[in-house]
């Protein structure tokens, strides 16, 4: 993966921590953005999710987005992105 994945989340979100651990396990390059600190990121997540602050919201270099993905969904996506 050449471009990093962007993960929008919060520090209190267990699903966000789980997603970050999974990305680390797959040695994926990612950029984490805390939507409680970055107002622009929070607004962006709300626009993507019809007004909801759904986290984690994960953007991939291919333009796809996963919102609150299960471990299986995120694992499958990471496998598909590997060269």
PDB file of N, CA and C in Angstrom:
ATOM      1  N   UNK A   1       0.847  -1.173   0.000  1.00  0.00           N
ATOM      2  CA  UNK A   1       0.000   0.000   0.000  1.00  0.00           C
ATOM      3  C   UNK A   1       0.890   1.232   0.000  1.00  0.00           C
ATOM      4  N   UNK A   2       0.697   2.123  -0.932  1.00  0.00           N
ATOM      5  CA  UNK A   2       1.554   3.287  -1.044  1.00  0.00           C
ATOM      6  C   UNK A   2       0.981   4.476  -0.295  1.00  0.00           C
ATOM      7  N   UNK A   3      -0.283   4.774  -0.502  1.00  0.00           N
ATOM      8  CA  UNK A   3      -0.913   5.870   0.209  1.00  0.00           C
ATOM      9  C   UNK A   3      -1.445   5.338   1.533  1.00  0.00           C
ATOM     10  N   UNK A   4      -1.370   6.145   2.579  1.00  0.00           N
ATOM     11  CA  UNK A   4      -1.886   5.650   3.849  1.00  0.00           C
ATOM     12  C   UNK A   4      -3.410   5.635   3.895  1.00  0.00           C
ATOM     13  N   UNK A   5      -3.897   4.789   4.734  1.00  0.00           N
ATOM     14  CA  UNK A   5      -5.312   4.717   5.069  1.00  0.00           C
ATOM     15  C   UNK A   5      -5.552   5.830   6.082  1.00  0.00           C
ATOM     16  N   UNK A   6      -6.731   6.436   6.068  1.00  0.00           N
ATOM     17  CA  UNK A   6      -7.069   7.441   7.068  1.00  0.00           C
ATOM     18  C   UNK A   6      -8.162   6.882   7.957  1.00  0.00           C
ATOM     19  N   UNK A   7      -7.900   6.896   9.259  1.00  0.00           N
ATOM     20  CA  UNK A   7      -8.859   6.399  10.246  1.00  0.00           C
ATOM     21  C   UNK A   7      -9.349   7.586  11.062  1.00  0.00           C
ATOM     22  N   UNK A   8     -10.652   7.827  11.025  1.00  0.00           N
ATOM     23  CA  UNK A   8     -11.271   8.867  11.847  1.00  0.00           C
ATOM     24  C   UNK A   8     -11.885   8.171  13.052  1.00  0.00           C
ATOM     25  N   UNK A   9     -11.527   8.647  14.241  1.00  0.00           N
ATOM     26  CA  UNK A   9     -12.046   8.005  15.442  1.00  0.00           C
ATOM     27  C   UNK A   9     -11.962   8.919  16.643  1.00  0.00           C
ATOM     28  N   UNK A  10     -12.135   8.314  17.826  1.00  0.00           N
ATOM     29  CA  UNK A  10     -12.034   9.018  19.096  1.00  0.00           C
ATOM     30  C   UNK A  10     -11.243   8.148  20.065  1.00  0.00           C
ATOM     31  N   UNK A  11     -10.719   8.773  21.106  1.00  0.00           N
ATOM     32  CA  UNK A  11      -9.924   8.027  22.074  1.00  0.00           C
ATOM     33  C   UNK A  11     -10.781   7.076  22.905  1.00  0.00           C
ATOM     34  N   UNK A  12     -12.051   7.387  23.117  1.00  0.00           N
ATOM     35  CA  UNK A  12     -12.919   6.550  23.955  1.00  0.00           C
ATOM     36  C   UNK A  12     -13.549   5.385  23.195  1.00  0.00           C
ATOM     37  N   UNK A  13     -13.347   5.309  21.911  1.00  0.00           N
ATOM     38  CA  UNK A  13     -14.017   4.326  21.049  1.00  0.00           C
ATOM     39  C   UNK A  13     -13.253   2.995  21.023  1.00  0.00           C
ATOM     40  N   UNK A  14     -13.842   1.962  21.618  1.00  0.00           N
ATOM     41  CA  UNK A  14     -13.233   0.637  21.610  1.00  0.00           C
ATOM     42  C   UNK A  14     -13.095   0.062  20.215  1.00  0.00           C
ATOM     43  N   UNK A  15     -14.089   0.306  19.357  1.00  0.00           N
ATOM     44  CA  UNK A  15     -14.017  -0.178  17.979  1.00  0.00           C
ATOM     45  C   UNK A  15     -12.874   0.488  17.220  1.00  0.00           C
ATOM     46  N   UNK A  16     -12.600   1.753  17.546  1.00  0.00           N
ATOM     47  CA  UNK A  16     -11.485   2.462  16.910  1.00  0.00           C
ATOM     48  C   UNK A  16     -10.163   1.830  17.320  1.00  0.00           C
ATOM     49  N   UNK A  17     -10.007   1.551  18.604  1.00  0.00           N
ATOM     50  CA  UNK A  17      -8.776   0.913  19.084  1.00  0.00           C
ATOM     51  C   UNK A  17      -8.600  -0.460  18.440  1.00  0.00           C
ATOM     52  N   UNK A  18      -9.680  -1.212  18.313  1.00  0.00           N
ATOM     53  CA  UNK A  18      -9.615  -2.534  17.685  1.00  0.00           C
ATOM     54  C   UNK A  18      -9.180  -2.407  16.226  1.00  0.00           C
ATOM     55  N   UNK A  19      -9.727  -1.433  15.501  1.00  0.00           N
ATOM     56  CA  UNK A  19      -9.366  -1.229  14.095  1.00  0.00           C
ATOM     57  C   UNK A  19      -7.889  -0.849  13.969  1.00  0.00           C
ATOM     58  N   UNK A  20      -7.405   0.014  14.854  1.00  0.00           N
ATOM     59  CA  UNK A  20      -6.004   0.421  14.805  1.00  0.00           C
ATOM     60  C   UNK A  20      -5.077  -0.764  15.096  1.00  0.00           C
ATOM     61  N   UNK A  21      -5.444  -1.613  16.056  1.00  0.00           N
ATOM     62  CA  UNK A  21      -4.646  -2.808  16.343  1.00  0.00           C
ATOM     63  C   UNK A  21      -4.585  -3.724  15.126  1.00  0.00           C
ATOM     64  N   UNK A  22      -5.719  -3.874  14.439  1.00  0.00           N
ATOM     65  CA  UNK A  22      -5.767  -4.731  13.256  1.00  0.00           C
ATOM     66  C   UNK A  22      -4.904  -4.152  12.137  1.00  0.00           C
ATOM     67  N   UNK A  23      -4.953  -2.852  11.949  1.00  0.00           N
ATOM     68  CA  UNK A  23      -4.106  -2.205  10.943  1.00  0.00           C
ATOM     69  C   UNK A  23      -2.630  -2.410  11.281  1.00  0.00           C
ATOM     70  N   UNK A  24      -2.294  -2.288  12.564  1.00  0.00           N
ATOM     71  CA  UNK A  24      -0.916  -2.520  12.986  1.00  0.00           C
ATOM     72  C   UNK A  24      -0.495  -3.967  12.711  1.00  0.00           C
ATOM     73  N   UNK A  25      -1.374  -4.917  13.017  1.00  0.00           N
ATOM     74  CA  UNK A  25      -1.071  -6.331  12.790  1.00  0.00           C
ATOM     75  C   UNK A  25      -0.802  -6.621  11.318  1.00  0.00           C
ATOM     76  N   UNK A  26      -1.494  -5.904  10.432  1.00  0.00           N
ATOM     77  CA  UNK A  26      -1.320  -6.090   8.991  1.00  0.00           C
ATOM     78  C   UNK A  26      -0.230  -5.173   8.435  1.00  0.00           C
ATOM     79  N   UNK A  27       0.438  -4.450   9.318  1.00  0.00           N
ATOM     80  CA  UNK A  27       1.508  -3.525   8.946  1.00  0.00           C
ATOM     81  C   UNK A  27       1.056  -2.523   7.881  1.00  0.00           C
ATOM     82  N   UNK A  28      -0.183  -2.087   8.021  1.00  0.00           N
ATOM     83  CA  UNK A  28      -0.746  -1.107   7.092  1.00  0.00           C
ATOM     84  C   UNK A  28      -0.302   0.302   7.505  1.00  0.00           C
ATOM     85  N   UNK A  29      -0.008   1.124   6.513  1.00  0.00           N
ATOM     86  CA  UNK A  29       0.294   2.530   6.780  1.00  0.00           C
ATOM     87  C   UNK A  29      -1.034   3.246   6.943  1.00  0.00           C
ATOM     88  N   UNK A  30      -1.163   4.002   8.032  1.00  0.00           N
ATOM     89  CA  UNK A  30      -2.402   4.743   8.239  1.00  0.00           C
ATOM     90  C   UNK A  30      -2.121   6.039   8.972  1.00  0.00           C
ATOM     91  N   UNK A  31      -3.077   6.930   8.835  1.00  0.00           N
ATOM     92  CA  UNK A  31      -3.048   8.222   9.516  1.00  0.00           C
ATOM     93  C   UNK A  31      -4.294   8.253  10.388  1.00  0.00           C
ATOM     94  N   UNK A  32      -4.128   8.509  11.678  1.00  0.00           N
ATOM     95  CA  UNK A  32      -5.256   8.553  12.605  1.00  0.00           C
ATOM     96  C   UNK A  32      -5.638   9.998  12.864  1.00  0.00           C
ATOM     97  N   UNK A  33      -6.952  10.275  12.823  1.00  0.00           N
ATOM     98  CA  UNK A  33      -7.452  11.614  13.079  1.00  0.00           C
ATOM     99  C   UNK A  33      -8.522  11.521  14.165  1.00  0.00           C
ATOM    100  N   UNK A  34      -8.307  12.222  15.275  1.00  0.00           N
ATOM    101  CA  UNK A  34      -9.260  12.247  16.387  1.00  0.00           C
ATOM    102  C   UNK A  34     -10.304  13.330  16.088  1.00  0.00           C
ATOM    103  N   UNK A  35     -11.534  12.916  15.891  1.00  0.00           N
ATOM    104  CA  UNK A  35     -12.582  13.878  15.514  1.00  0.00           C
ATOM    105  C   UNK A  35     -13.014  14.761  16.679  1.00  0.00           C
ATOM    106  N   UNK A  36     -12.599  14.416  17.896  1.00  0.00           N
ATOM    107  CA  UNK A  36     -12.909  15.288  19.036  1.00  0.00           C
ATOM    108  C   UNK A  36     -11.942  16.459  19.126  1.00  0.00           C
ATOM    109  N   UNK A  37     -10.803  16.340  18.455  1.00  0.00           N
ATOM    110  CA  UNK A  37      -9.803  17.411  18.458  1.00  0.00           C
ATOM    111  C   UNK A  37      -9.877  18.230  17.175  1.00  0.00           C
ATOM    112  N   UNK A  38     -10.186  17.575  16.068  1.00  0.00           N
ATOM    113  CA  UNK A  38     -10.190  18.210  14.751  1.00  0.00           C
ATOM    114  C   UNK A  38     -11.629  18.454  14.297  1.00  0.00           C
ATOM    115  N   UNK A  39     -12.080  19.706  14.408  1.00  0.00           N
ATOM    116  CA  UNK A  39     -13.461  20.041  14.052  1.00  0.00           C
ATOM    117  C   UNK A  39     -13.760  19.767  12.582  1.00  0.00           C
ATOM    118  N   UNK A  40     -12.796  20.056  11.709  1.00  0.00           N
ATOM    119  CA  UNK A  40     -12.989  19.806  10.284  1.00  0.00           C
ATOM    120  C   UNK A  40     -13.180  18.326  10.005  1.00  0.00           C
ATOM    121  N   UNK A  41     -12.427  17.493  10.706  1.00  0.00           N
ATOM    122  CA  UNK A  41     -12.558  16.040  10.541  1.00  0.00           C
ATOM    123  C   UNK A  41     -13.915  15.563  11.042  1.00  0.00           C
ATOM    124  N   UNK A  42     -14.364  16.108  12.172  1.00  0.00           N
ATOM    125  CA  UNK A  42     -15.689  15.734  12.696  1.00  0.00           C
ATOM    126  C   UNK A  42     -16.790  16.092  11.691  1.00  0.00           C
ATOM    127  N   UNK A  43     -16.705  17.271  11.120  1.00  0.00           N
ATOM    128  CA  UNK A  43     -17.691  17.692  10.124  1.00  0.00           C
ATOM    129  C   UNK A  43     -17.631  16.792   8.892  1.00  0.00           C
ATOM    130  N   UNK A  44     -16.439  16.398   8.483  1.00  0.00           N
ATOM    131  CA  UNK A  44     -16.262  15.515   7.334  1.00  0.00           C
ATOM    132  C   UNK A  44     -16.909  14.156   7.607  1.00  0.00           C
ATOM    133  N   UNK A  45     -16.666  13.600   8.789  1.00  0.00           N
ATOM    134  CA  UNK A  45     -17.263  12.313   9.164  1.00  0.00           C
ATOM    135  C   UNK A  45     -18.794  12.431   9.190  1.00  0.00           C
ATOM    136  N   UNK A  46     -19.302  13.525   9.711  1.00  0.00           N
ATOM    137  CA  UNK A  46     -20.759  13.726   9.738  1.00  0.00           C
ATOM    138  C   UNK A  46     -21.332  13.807   8.328  1.00  0.00           C
ATOM    139  N   UNK A  47     -20.629  14.475   7.412  1.00  0.00           N
ATOM    140  CA  UNK A  47     -21.109  14.549   6.023  1.00  0.00           C
ATOM    141  C   UNK A  47     -21.125  13.160   5.390  1.00  0.00           C
ATOM    142  N   UNK A  48     -20.068  12.379   5.619  1.00  0.00           N
ATOM    143  CA  UNK A  48     -20.006  11.028   5.049  1.00  0.00           C
ATOM    144  C   UNK A  48     -21.094  10.115   5.601  1.00  0.00           C
ATOM    145  N   UNK A  49     -21.495  10.359   6.854  1.00  0.00           N
ATOM    146  CA  UNK A  49     -22.407   9.453   7.553  1.00  0.00           C
ATOM    147  C   UNK A  49     -23.771  10.078   7.840  1.00  0.00           C
ATOM    148  N   UNK A  50     -24.248  10.900   6.925  1.00  0.00           N
ATOM    149  CA  UNK A  50     -25.575  11.497   7.004  1.00  0.00           C
ATOM    150  C   UNK A  50     -25.872  12.140   8.365  1.00  0.00           C
ATOM    151  N   UNK A  51     -24.904  12.905   8.868  1.00  0.00           N
ATOM    152  CA  UNK A  51     -25.100  13.649  10.098  1.00  0.00           C
ATOM    153  C   UNK A  51     -24.647  12.931  11.360  1.00  0.00           C
ATOM    154  N   UNK A  52     -24.223  11.700  11.252  1.00  0.00           N
ATOM    155  CA  UNK A  52     -23.792  10.940  12.423  1.00  0.00           C
ATOM    156  C   UNK A  52     -22.275  10.970  12.569  1.00  0.00           C
ATOM    157  N   UNK A  53     -21.829  10.944  13.815  1.00  0.00           N
ATOM    158  CA  UNK A  53     -20.392  10.865  14.107  1.00  0.00           C
ATOM    159  C   UNK A  53     -20.018   9.400  14.269  1.00  0.00           C
ATOM    160  N   UNK A  54     -20.229   8.613  13.246  1.00  0.00           N
ATOM    161  CA  UNK A  54     -19.961   7.179  13.284  1.00  0.00           C
ATOM    162  C   UNK A  54     -18.467   6.931  13.179  1.00  0.00           C
ATOM    163  N   UNK A  55     -17.917   6.261  14.200  1.00  0.00           N
ATOM    164  CA  UNK A  55     -16.492   5.947  14.207  1.00  0.00           C
ATOM    165  C   UNK A  55     -16.292   4.496  14.595  1.00  0.00           C
ATOM    166  N   UNK A  56     -15.280   3.866  14.080  1.00  0.00           N
ATOM    167  CA  UNK A  56     -14.332   4.438  13.147  1.00  0.00           C
ATOM    168  C   UNK A  56     -14.907   4.563  11.748  1.00  0.00           C
ATOM    169  N   UNK A  57     -14.545   5.625  11.072  1.00  0.00           N
ATOM    170  CA  UNK A  57     -14.786   5.784   9.648  1.00  0.00           C
ATOM    171  C   UNK A  57     -13.409   5.699   9.004  1.00  0.00           C
ATOM    172  N   UNK A  58     -13.245   4.741   8.108  1.00  0.00           N
ATOM    173  CA  UNK A  58     -11.932   4.449   7.548  1.00  0.00           C
ATOM    174  C   UNK A  58     -11.955   4.668   6.040  1.00  0.00           C
ATOM    175  N   UNK A  59     -11.084   5.557   5.561  1.00  0.00           N
ATOM    176  CA  UNK A  59     -10.967   5.857   4.133  1.00  0.00           C
ATOM    177  C   UNK A  59      -9.737   5.155   3.580  1.00  0.00           C
ATOM    178  N   UNK A  60      -9.897   4.546   2.413  1.00  0.00           N
ATOM    179  CA  UNK A  60      -8.824   3.783   1.787  1.00  0.00           C
ATOM    180  C   UNK A  60      -8.328   4.494   0.534  1.00  0.00           C
ATOM    181  N   UNK A  61      -7.084   4.212   0.142  1.00  0.00           N
ATOM    182  CA  UNK A  61      -6.500   4.872  -1.034  1.00  0.00           C
ATOM    183  C   UNK A  61      -7.304   4.660  -2.318  1.00  0.00           C
ATOM    184  N   UNK A  62      -8.084   3.572  -2.404  1.00  0.00           N
ATOM    185  CA  UNK A  62      -8.883   3.324  -3.600  1.00  0.00           C
ATOM    186  C   UNK A  62     -10.189   4.108  -3.611  1.00  0.00           C
ATOM    187  N   UNK A  63     -10.410   4.945  -2.573  1.00  0.00           N
ATOM    188  CA  UNK A  63     -11.613   5.764  -2.501  1.00  0.00           C
ATOM    189  C   UNK A  63     -12.753   5.126  -1.734  1.00  0.00           C
ATOM    190  N   UNK A  64     -12.591   3.879  -1.329  1.00  0.00           N
ATOM    191  CA  UNK A  64     -13.660   3.213  -0.589  1.00  0.00           C
ATOM    192  C   UNK A  64     -13.629   3.634   0.879  1.00  0.00           C
ATOM    193  N   UNK A  65     -14.774   3.429   1.543  1.00  0.00           N
ATOM    194  CA  UNK A  65     -14.937   3.822   2.935  1.00  0.00           C
ATOM    195  C   UNK A  65     -15.594   2.670   3.689  1.00  0.00           C
ATOM    196  N   UNK A  66     -15.079   2.386   4.882  1.00  0.00           N
ATOM    197  CA  UNK A  66     -15.742   1.448   5.786  1.00  0.00           C
ATOM    198  C   UNK A  66     -16.119   2.218   7.046  1.00  0.00           C
ATOM    199  N   UNK A  67     -17.361   2.032   7.488  1.00  0.00           N
ATOM    200  CA  UNK A  67     -17.844   2.692   8.692  1.00  0.00           C
ATOM    201  C   UNK A  67     -18.190   1.609   9.712  1.00  0.00           C
ATOM    202  N   UNK A  68     -17.582   1.720  10.880  1.00  0.00           N
ATOM    203  CA  UNK A  68     -17.782   0.756  11.961  1.00  0.00           C
ATOM    204  C   UNK A  68     -17.662  -0.686  11.444  1.00  0.00           C
ATOM    205  N   UNK A  69     -16.572  -1.003  10.735  1.00  0.00           N
ATOM    206  CA  UNK A  69     -16.460  -2.336  10.150  1.00  0.00           C
ATOM    207  C   UNK A  69     -16.208  -3.416  11.202  1.00  0.00           C
ATOM    208  N   UNK A  70     -16.679  -4.604  10.908  1.00  0.00           N
ATOM    209  CA  UNK A  70     -16.347  -5.749  11.748  1.00  0.00           C
ATOM    210  C   UNK A  70     -14.887  -6.115  11.499  1.00  0.00           C
ATOM    211  N   UNK A  71     -14.342  -6.955  12.371  1.00  0.00           N
ATOM    212  CA  UNK A  71     -12.973  -7.431  12.186  1.00  0.00           C
ATOM    213  C   UNK A  71     -12.856  -8.138  10.840  1.00  0.00           C
ATOM    214  N   UNK A  72     -13.838  -8.970  10.514  1.00  0.00           N
ATOM    215  CA  UNK A  72     -13.808  -9.715   9.248  1.00  0.00           C
ATOM    216  C   UNK A  72     -13.833  -8.780   8.046  1.00  0.00           C
ATOM    217  N   UNK A  73     -14.685  -7.743   8.090  1.00  0.00           N
ATOM    218  CA  UNK A  73     -14.769  -6.813   6.963  1.00  0.00           C
ATOM    219  C   UNK A  73     -13.457  -6.066   6.766  1.00  0.00           C
ATOM    220  N   UNK A  74     -12.870  -5.583   7.864  1.00  0.00           N
ATOM    221  CA  UNK A  74     -11.634  -4.823   7.759  1.00  0.00           C
ATOM    222  C   UNK A  74     -10.480  -5.725   7.327  1.00  0.00           C
ATOM    223  N   UNK A  75     -10.434  -6.932   7.851  1.00  0.00           N
ATOM    224  CA  UNK A  75      -9.393  -7.878   7.446  1.00  0.00           C
ATOM    225  C   UNK A  75      -9.477  -8.173   5.959  1.00  0.00           C
ATOM    226  N   UNK A  76     -10.686  -8.419   5.469  1.00  0.00           N
ATOM    227  CA  UNK A  76     -10.866  -8.708   4.044  1.00  0.00           C
ATOM    228  C   UNK A  76     -10.402  -7.533   3.192  1.00  0.00           C
ATOM    229  N   UNK A  77     -10.737  -6.327   3.598  1.00  0.00           N
ATOM    230  CA  UNK A  77     -10.334  -5.144   2.838  1.00  0.00           C
ATOM    231  C   UNK A  77      -8.810  -5.001   2.839  1.00  0.00           C
ATOM    232  N   UNK A  78      -8.169  -5.241   3.961  1.00  0.00           N
ATOM    233  CA  UNK A  78      -6.717  -5.134   4.025  1.00  0.00           C
ATOM    234  C   UNK A  78      -6.040  -6.179   3.153  1.00  0.00           C
ATOM    235  N   UNK A  79      -6.589  -7.362   3.101  1.00  0.00           N
ATOM    236  CA  UNK A  79      -6.040  -8.414   2.248  1.00  0.00           C
ATOM    237  C   UNK A  79      -6.164  -8.024   0.778  1.00  0.00           C
ATOM    238  N   UNK A  80      -7.282  -7.432   0.406  1.00  0.00           N
ATOM    239  CA  UNK A  80      -7.494  -7.006  -0.986  1.00  0.00           C
ATOM    240  C   UNK A  80      -6.550  -5.890  -1.391  1.00  0.00           C
ATOM    241  N   UNK A  81      -6.124  -5.071  -0.454  1.00  0.00           N
ATOM    242  CA  UNK A  81      -5.245  -3.943  -0.774  1.00  0.00           C
ATOM    243  C   UNK A  81      -3.788  -4.340  -0.927  1.00  0.00           C
ATOM    244  N   UNK A  82      -3.425  -5.503  -0.422  1.00  0.00           N
ATOM    245  CA  UNK A  82      -2.010  -5.914  -0.504  1.00  0.00           C
ATOM    246  C   UNK A  82      -1.646  -6.221  -1.958  1.00  0.00           C
ATOM    247  N   UNK A  83      -0.419  -5.819  -2.337  1.00  0.00           N
ATOM    248  CA  UNK A  83       0.017  -6.051  -3.718  1.00  0.00           C
ATOM    249  C   UNK A  83       0.236  -7.529  -4.007  1.00  0.00           C
TER     250      UNK A  83
END
